[in-house]
Amino acid sequence: MKIALHDAGGKEYLQFMRQLGVEYVVSAVGPGASGALEVDDILRKKEYFAEHGVIWDVIENLDPRIYYKVMLGEEGREEQMDRVCESIRAVGEAGIGVLQYQWMLLGGLRTEYSPTGRGGARVPRFDMAVAARMPAAAMDWLGGGVYPTVPDRELSASQVWDNLRYFLARAVPVAEECGVKLAAHPDDAPVPVYMGVARILVDWDGLQECVDAVPSPNSGLGFCMGTIGTMANMDVVQAIRHFGGLGRIHFAHFRNPRGQVPYFDEVFPDEGDIDMVAAVKALNEVGFDGVIRIDHCPGVIGDNPAADRSFAFQVGYLQGLVQALERLGD
C-alpha cells in the first residue's frame, strides 16, 4: 500500500512529507472555466508535485460544485452530469488513477472538538443527542459552500438512491473507457437521516448496493476506515476482507475511532476500537496496493494549524505496522 498525506499547501509541506518518508500525496482540483475538471489544470498540479518529489494519483474529492444538482435531483442535473463525464475524461487523460466522490447531501457532521482525549488532546466528536439540538451547527463541511445552510425539502432514501444510480449509470462507462477508478466515500457521520435528508452509505448494505448498482471493477469505495468503523455494528476487518476481496477498495483512509453512531470520538490510531494490526494485515491479504491516506487526527499541544505533529505520529504508526507485517509475516 502507498501511504499518503493530503496536500496542506506549499513547498515546505511537501518537503515535510518527504522527510517523513511519504511519497504519495492526495489533493483536490477545482473546475475550470468549462465548469468541469480540465486536463491542463490537473497536469500542471501533477507536474508540480512531481517536481517536489511526491506522486499524485488520487483526486479527493470530485468538487461538489460540478454535480450537486445530480445529488439533489434538481433541474439541470443532465448538464451537470455532462460536466462530470468531461471531468472523468480529463482525469484519465492526465493519468490520475482514482477519482473519489461523495454522496453526502448535507456534508460531514461533527458536534465538537473536545479537549478530553489522551493527555488533553482535542478529539473530533459526533454526538447525535447534541446534533439533534443544533442540527445546522453540526454540519462541519459543506462541500465548498454549494449546499444550502439547511435543506429546503425532505429527501427519502429511495430518492437519494435514484440520484446515485443515475450518476453511476452515466459515470461508470466513462470511467471504464478512460481507465479511472471511481471511489465513493461513505456518509460521515453514518446516520441514516439528518434534517429530513436520507444518508444512504451508512451501513454494510448501503456499501454493497453502491458497488452493485452498476457492476464494474472501475466502481468501488473510498474505504474510510474511520467512517466505516463508526457504522453501527460494523466489523471493519470483515468489511476489508469482503470489499477488498471483491477488488472494490480503490482508495483508503487510515483512522481509528472510538465508539459508533450515535456517539463516537476520533482518537489516536493506537487507542480506538479497530484492531489496526488486523486491518492493515487484511488490506495486505486482499492485495490492496492503492493509496491509503492518513485521515483526521486529534489536536496535540504546540501543533501548527496543519497538525503536523499529530499527522507525523500517525504516519510513523502506519509505517511501523506495514514494515512489521512485511518482515514478520503472520
Protein backbone atom coordinates (compact mmCIF):
# COMPACT_ATOMS: atom_id res chain seq x y z
CA MET A 1 0.00 0.00 0.00
CA LYS A 2 1.06 3.56 -0.68
CA ILE A 3 0.99 5.82 2.39
CA ALA A 4 -0.12 9.38 1.68
CA LEU A 5 -0.98 12.69 3.26
CA HIS A 6 -3.37 15.32 1.95
CA ASP A 7 -1.65 18.34 0.47
CA ALA A 8 -1.76 21.10 3.08
CA GLY A 9 -0.28 23.64 0.67
CA GLY A 10 3.20 24.94 -0.08
CA LYS A 11 6.62 23.55 -0.94
CA GLU A 12 7.61 23.33 2.72
CA TYR A 13 4.79 20.92 3.46
CA LEU A 14 5.81 18.70 0.56
CA GLN A 15 9.35 18.70 1.95
CA PHE A 16 7.93 17.75 5.35
CA MET A 17 6.16 14.82 3.71
CA ARG A 18 9.34 13.63 2.07
CA GLN A 19 11.21 13.93 5.38
CA LEU A 20 8.65 11.57 6.88
CA GLY A 21 9.18 9.14 4.01
CA VAL A 22 5.74 9.81 2.50
CA GLU A 23 5.95 9.50 -1.28
CA TYR A 24 2.29 9.96 -2.21
CA VAL A 25 0.06 12.99 -1.95
CA VAL A 26 -3.71 13.28 -2.20
CA SER A 27 -5.25 16.52 -3.41
CA ALA A 28 -8.29 18.10 -4.97
CA VAL A 29 -8.56 20.27 -8.06
CA GLY A 30 -11.32 22.74 -8.84
CA PRO A 31 -13.36 23.11 -12.01
CA GLY A 32 -12.04 25.27 -14.80
CA ALA A 33 -13.83 27.79 -16.97
CA SER A 34 -15.82 24.98 -18.61
CA GLY A 35 -17.36 24.06 -15.28
CA ALA A 36 -15.57 20.69 -15.34
CA LEU A 37 -12.15 19.50 -14.29
CA GLU A 38 -9.70 20.37 -17.06
CA VAL A 39 -6.74 18.26 -18.11
CA ASP A 40 -4.27 21.16 -18.25
CA ASP A 41 -5.06 22.14 -14.65
CA ILE A 42 -4.59 18.55 -13.49
CA LEU A 43 -1.33 18.13 -15.40
CA ARG A 44 0.11 21.37 -14.01
CA LYS A 45 -0.62 20.24 -10.48
CA LYS A 46 0.67 16.73 -11.12
CA GLU A 47 3.92 18.11 -12.52
CA TYR A 48 4.27 20.48 -9.56
CA PHE A 49 4.03 17.58 -7.15
CA ALA A 50 6.49 15.53 -9.19
CA GLU A 51 8.99 18.38 -9.16
CA HIS A 52 8.87 18.27 -5.36
CA GLY A 53 9.30 14.53 -5.09
CA VAL A 54 5.80 13.23 -4.48
CA ILE A 55 3.34 11.27 -6.62
CA TRP A 56 -0.29 12.33 -7.11
CA ASP A 57 -2.64 9.53 -8.15
CA VAL A 58 -5.86 10.25 -6.23
CA ILE A 59 -8.15 13.26 -6.63
CA GLU A 60 -10.06 13.80 -3.40
CA ASN A 61 -12.83 14.71 -3.97
CA LEU A 62 -14.71 15.50 -7.15
CA ASP A 63 -15.73 19.09 -6.49
CA PRO A 64 -19.42 19.11 -5.45
CA ARG A 65 -19.99 22.30 -7.45
CA ILE A 66 -19.80 20.09 -10.52
CA TYR A 67 -22.58 17.68 -9.51
CA TYR A 68 -24.64 18.94 -6.56
CA LYS A 69 -27.79 19.14 -8.71
CA VAL A 70 -27.27 15.47 -9.55
CA MET A 71 -27.05 14.61 -5.86
CA LEU A 72 -30.17 16.60 -5.06
CA GLY A 73 -32.10 15.51 -8.17
CA GLU A 74 -32.67 19.10 -9.25
CA GLU A 75 -33.39 20.63 -12.63
CA GLY A 76 -30.16 20.98 -14.57
CA ARG A 77 -28.70 17.66 -13.46
CA GLU A 78 -28.29 16.47 -17.06
CA GLU A 79 -25.98 19.37 -17.87
CA GLN A 80 -24.05 18.80 -14.66
CA MET A 81 -23.75 15.12 -15.47
CA ASP A 82 -22.17 16.06 -18.79
CA ARG A 83 -19.58 18.05 -16.79
CA VAL A 84 -18.96 15.01 -14.58
CA CYS A 85 -18.21 12.89 -17.63
CA GLU A 86 -15.93 15.60 -19.02
CA SER A 87 -14.14 15.65 -15.66
CA ILE A 88 -13.60 11.88 -15.67
CA ARG A 89 -12.15 12.08 -19.17
CA ALA A 90 -9.77 14.83 -18.06
CA VAL A 91 -8.68 12.76 -15.05
CA GLY A 92 -7.96 9.79 -17.28
CA GLU A 93 -6.11 11.86 -19.86
CA ALA A 94 -3.93 13.32 -17.12
CA GLY A 95 -3.05 9.85 -15.90
CA ILE A 96 -4.65 10.07 -12.46
CA GLY A 97 -5.85 6.63 -11.40
CA VAL A 98 -8.55 7.33 -8.80
CA LEU A 99 -11.31 9.92 -8.51
CA GLN A 100 -13.11 9.90 -5.18
CA TYR A 101 -16.57 11.38 -4.86
CA GLN A 102 -19.06 11.59 -2.02
CA TRP A 103 -22.84 11.44 -1.74
CA MET A 104 -23.28 13.41 1.48
CA LEU A 105 -26.07 15.79 0.60
CA LEU A 106 -25.52 17.80 3.78
CA GLY A 107 -21.78 17.28 4.05
CA GLY A 108 -19.95 15.89 7.06
CA LEU A 109 -21.28 16.03 10.62
CA ARG A 110 -19.40 16.80 13.84
CA THR A 111 -20.65 18.33 17.06
CA GLU A 112 -17.49 19.42 18.85
CA TYR A 113 -13.72 19.24 19.21
CA SER A 114 -13.35 18.22 22.83
CA PRO A 115 -10.13 18.54 24.91
CA THR A 116 -10.93 15.20 26.52
CA GLY A 117 -8.55 12.99 24.59
CA ARG A 118 -5.39 11.36 25.86
CA GLY A 119 -3.27 13.91 27.70
CA GLY A 120 -5.81 16.62 26.93
CA ALA A 121 -5.72 16.16 23.15
CA ARG A 122 -8.65 17.73 21.31
CA VAL A 123 -10.70 15.00 19.68
CA PRO A 124 -13.31 15.47 16.94
CA ARG A 125 -16.63 14.12 18.21
CA PHE A 126 -20.08 13.31 16.98
CA ASP A 127 -22.93 13.04 19.46
CA MET A 128 -26.38 12.60 17.93
CA ALA A 129 -28.03 13.85 21.13
CA VAL A 130 -26.18 17.15 20.72
CA ALA A 131 -26.74 17.26 16.96
CA ALA A 132 -30.49 16.86 17.47
CA ARG A 133 -30.49 20.13 19.43
CA MET A 134 -28.31 22.06 16.96
CA PRO A 135 -28.54 20.25 13.62
CA ALA A 136 -27.34 23.03 11.31
CA ALA A 137 -24.36 23.82 13.54
CA ALA A 138 -23.20 20.20 13.34
CA MET A 139 -22.66 20.41 9.57
CA ASP A 140 -18.92 20.98 9.65
CA TRP A 141 -18.18 20.54 5.95
CA LEU A 142 -20.45 21.89 3.27
CA GLY A 143 -18.54 20.87 0.16
CA GLY A 144 -17.14 24.27 -0.78
CA GLY A 145 -20.24 26.16 0.26
CA VAL A 146 -22.52 24.93 -2.52
CA TYR A 147 -25.05 23.26 -0.24
CA PRO A 148 -27.86 25.14 1.43
CA THR A 149 -27.35 26.00 5.09
CA VAL A 150 -30.37 23.83 5.82
CA PRO A 151 -32.27 21.55 3.43
CA ASP A 152 -35.24 23.13 1.65
CA ARG A 153 -37.11 19.81 1.42
CA GLU A 154 -37.00 16.26 2.68
CA LEU A 155 -35.38 13.59 0.53
CA SER A 156 -36.13 9.92 1.08
CA ALA A 157 -33.62 7.10 0.81
CA SER A 158 -35.36 5.99 -2.37
CA GLN A 159 -34.88 9.42 -3.94
CA VAL A 160 -31.24 9.64 -2.93
CA TRP A 161 -30.57 6.14 -4.27
CA ASP A 162 -32.27 7.02 -7.56
CA ASN A 163 -29.95 10.00 -7.89
CA LEU A 164 -26.85 7.95 -7.15
CA ARG A 165 -27.86 5.24 -9.61
CA TYR A 166 -28.37 7.90 -12.28
CA PHE A 167 -24.89 9.26 -11.54
CA LEU A 168 -23.26 5.85 -11.73
CA ALA A 169 -25.12 4.78 -14.87
CA ARG A 170 -23.61 7.77 -16.68
CA ALA A 171 -20.22 7.93 -14.96
CA VAL A 172 -19.07 4.32 -14.75
CA PRO A 173 -18.95 3.59 -18.52
CA VAL A 174 -16.85 6.73 -19.00
CA ALA A 175 -14.55 5.69 -16.16
CA GLU A 176 -14.11 2.27 -17.78
CA GLU A 177 -13.33 3.90 -21.11
CA CYS A 178 -10.75 6.22 -19.52
CA GLY A 179 -9.14 3.84 -17.07
CA VAL A 180 -10.26 5.78 -13.99
CA LYS A 181 -11.45 4.16 -10.77
CA LEU A 182 -14.36 5.88 -9.05
CA ALA A 183 -14.32 5.65 -5.26
CA ALA A 184 -17.38 6.51 -3.18
CA HIS A 185 -16.73 7.92 0.28
CA PRO A 186 -19.33 6.77 2.82
CA ASP A 187 -21.54 9.16 4.79
CA ASP A 188 -19.71 10.73 7.72
CA ALA A 189 -21.24 10.60 10.31
CA PRO A 190 -23.14 7.46 9.25
CA VAL A 191 -26.62 8.37 10.47
CA PRO A 192 -29.47 7.24 8.19
CA VAL A 193 -31.44 10.52 8.17
CA TYR A 194 -30.39 14.04 9.05
CA MET A 195 -32.68 17.06 8.96
CA GLY A 196 -35.11 15.08 6.82
CA VAL A 197 -32.50 14.13 4.23
CA ALA A 198 -31.55 10.47 3.84
CA ARG A 199 -27.91 9.39 4.06
CA ILE A 200 -27.57 6.11 2.21
CA LEU A 201 -23.94 4.97 2.56
CA VAL A 202 -24.24 4.36 6.28
CA ASP A 203 -24.06 0.57 6.67
CA TRP A 204 -22.90 -2.66 5.06
CA ASP A 205 -25.97 -2.95 2.84
CA GLY A 206 -25.51 0.59 1.55
CA LEU A 207 -21.87 0.00 0.65
CA GLN A 208 -22.82 -3.24 -1.10
CA GLU A 209 -25.62 -1.57 -3.03
CA CYS A 210 -23.24 1.16 -4.15
CA VAL A 211 -20.77 -1.28 -5.69
CA ASP A 212 -23.59 -3.42 -7.13
CA ALA A 213 -25.56 -0.53 -8.65
CA VAL A 214 -23.50 -0.53 -11.85
CA PRO A 215 -21.24 -3.59 -11.54
CA SER A 216 -17.75 -2.71 -12.73
CA PRO A 217 -14.18 -3.04 -11.47
CA ASN A 218 -13.95 0.72 -12.01
CA SER A 219 -16.69 1.48 -9.46
CA GLY A 220 -15.78 0.95 -5.84
CA LEU A 221 -15.21 2.54 -2.48
CA GLY A 222 -13.09 5.15 -0.86
CA PHE A 223 -12.76 2.90 2.19
CA CYS A 224 -12.66 5.38 5.06
CA MET A 225 -11.76 3.16 7.99
CA GLY A 226 -12.86 5.86 10.42
CA THR A 227 -16.29 6.40 8.92
CA ILE A 228 -16.95 2.72 8.33
CA GLY A 229 -15.71 1.97 11.82
CA THR A 230 -18.38 4.26 13.28
CA MET A 231 -21.22 2.48 11.48
CA ALA A 232 -23.49 0.65 13.91
CA ASN A 233 -22.43 -2.98 14.47
CA MET A 234 -19.73 -2.78 11.79
CA ASP A 235 -16.64 -5.00 11.82
CA VAL A 236 -14.03 -3.08 9.81
CA VAL A 237 -11.68 -6.01 9.33
CA GLN A 238 -14.52 -8.15 7.99
CA ALA A 239 -15.53 -5.32 5.66
CA ILE A 240 -11.98 -5.00 4.34
CA ARG A 241 -11.86 -8.71 3.61
CA HIS A 242 -15.23 -8.61 1.84
CA PHE A 243 -14.99 -5.44 -0.25
CA GLY A 244 -11.25 -5.78 -0.77
CA GLY A 245 -11.79 -9.37 -1.83
CA LEU A 246 -14.18 -8.07 -4.48
CA GLY A 247 -11.48 -5.69 -5.69
CA ARG A 248 -13.64 -2.70 -4.81
CA ILE A 249 -11.41 -0.79 -2.39
CA HIS A 250 -9.84 1.80 -4.67
CA PHE A 251 -8.58 4.23 -2.02
CA ALA A 252 -8.45 4.14 1.76
CA HIS A 253 -8.38 6.43 4.79
CA PHE A 254 -6.44 5.43 7.90
CA ARG A 255 -8.26 6.48 11.08
CA ASN A 256 -9.30 4.72 14.27
CA PRO A 257 -12.46 5.94 16.06
CA ARG A 258 -13.74 5.01 19.48
CA GLY A 259 -17.45 4.34 19.57
CA GLN A 260 -20.10 4.02 16.88
CA VAL A 261 -23.17 6.03 15.99
CA PRO A 262 -24.91 7.65 17.73
CA TYR A 263 -21.71 8.72 19.58
CA PHE A 264 -18.03 8.48 18.72
CA ASP A 265 -14.67 10.20 19.13
CA GLU A 266 -11.81 10.32 16.63
CA VAL A 267 -8.84 9.22 18.73
CA PHE A 268 -5.25 8.23 18.08
CA PRO A 269 -4.74 5.09 15.97
CA ASP A 270 -3.38 3.07 18.89
CA GLU A 271 -6.40 3.62 21.17
CA GLY A 272 -9.51 3.29 19.00
CA ASP A 273 -11.85 0.33 18.66
CA ILE A 274 -10.50 -1.01 15.35
CA ASP A 275 -7.74 -3.63 15.55
CA MET A 276 -5.41 -1.70 13.28
CA VAL A 277 -2.88 -4.53 13.07
CA ALA A 278 -5.62 -6.86 11.80
CA ALA A 279 -6.96 -4.15 9.48
CA VAL A 280 -3.62 -3.48 7.79
CA LYS A 281 -2.98 -7.22 7.59
CA ALA A 282 -6.37 -7.67 5.90
CA LEU A 283 -5.57 -4.93 3.37
CA ASN A 284 -2.35 -6.75 2.52
CA GLU A 285 -4.09 -10.11 2.25
CA VAL A 286 -6.72 -8.83 -0.20
CA GLY A 287 -3.96 -7.37 -2.35
CA PHE A 288 -4.72 -3.71 -1.76
CA ASP A 289 -1.89 -1.82 -3.44
CA GLY A 290 -3.55 1.57 -3.66
CA VAL A 291 -3.14 4.82 -1.79
CA ILE A 292 -4.03 4.99 1.91
CA ARG A 293 -4.22 8.48 3.35
CA ILE A 294 -3.73 9.40 6.99
CA ASP A 295 -7.13 10.89 7.80
CA HIS A 296 -8.10 13.41 10.51
CA CYS A 297 -6.28 13.48 13.80
CA PRO A 298 -6.59 14.69 17.37
CA GLY A 299 -5.13 18.09 18.13
CA VAL A 300 -1.96 17.98 20.23
CA ILE A 301 -0.28 20.66 22.28
CA GLY A 302 2.01 23.05 20.42
CA ASP A 303 0.96 21.90 16.97
CA ASN A 304 0.55 24.14 13.94
CA PRO A 305 -2.73 24.64 12.00
CA ALA A 306 -1.80 21.82 9.61
CA ALA A 307 -1.49 19.42 12.59
CA ASP A 308 1.99 18.32 11.53
CA ARG A 309 2.87 16.80 14.91
CA SER A 310 -0.24 14.68 15.06
CA PHE A 311 -0.03 13.58 11.44
CA ALA A 312 3.65 12.69 11.83
CA PHE A 313 2.78 10.34 14.70
CA GLN A 314 0.13 8.62 12.62
CA VAL A 315 2.41 8.30 9.60
CA GLY A 316 5.06 6.64 11.74
CA TYR A 317 2.47 4.36 13.32
CA LEU A 318 1.22 3.13 9.94
CA GLN A 319 4.73 2.80 8.53
CA GLY A 320 5.66 0.65 11.51
CA LEU A 321 2.62 -1.58 11.04
CA VAL A 322 3.34 -2.06 7.34
CA GLN A 323 7.02 -2.83 7.86
CA ALA A 324 6.36 -5.22 10.75
CA LEU A 325 3.78 -7.17 8.76
CA GLU A 326 6.05 -7.30 5.71
CA ARG A 327 9.06 -8.54 7.68
CA LEU A 328 7.44 -10.68 10.33
CA GLY A 329 4.51 -12.03 8.35
CA ASP A 330 1.89 -13.82 10.40
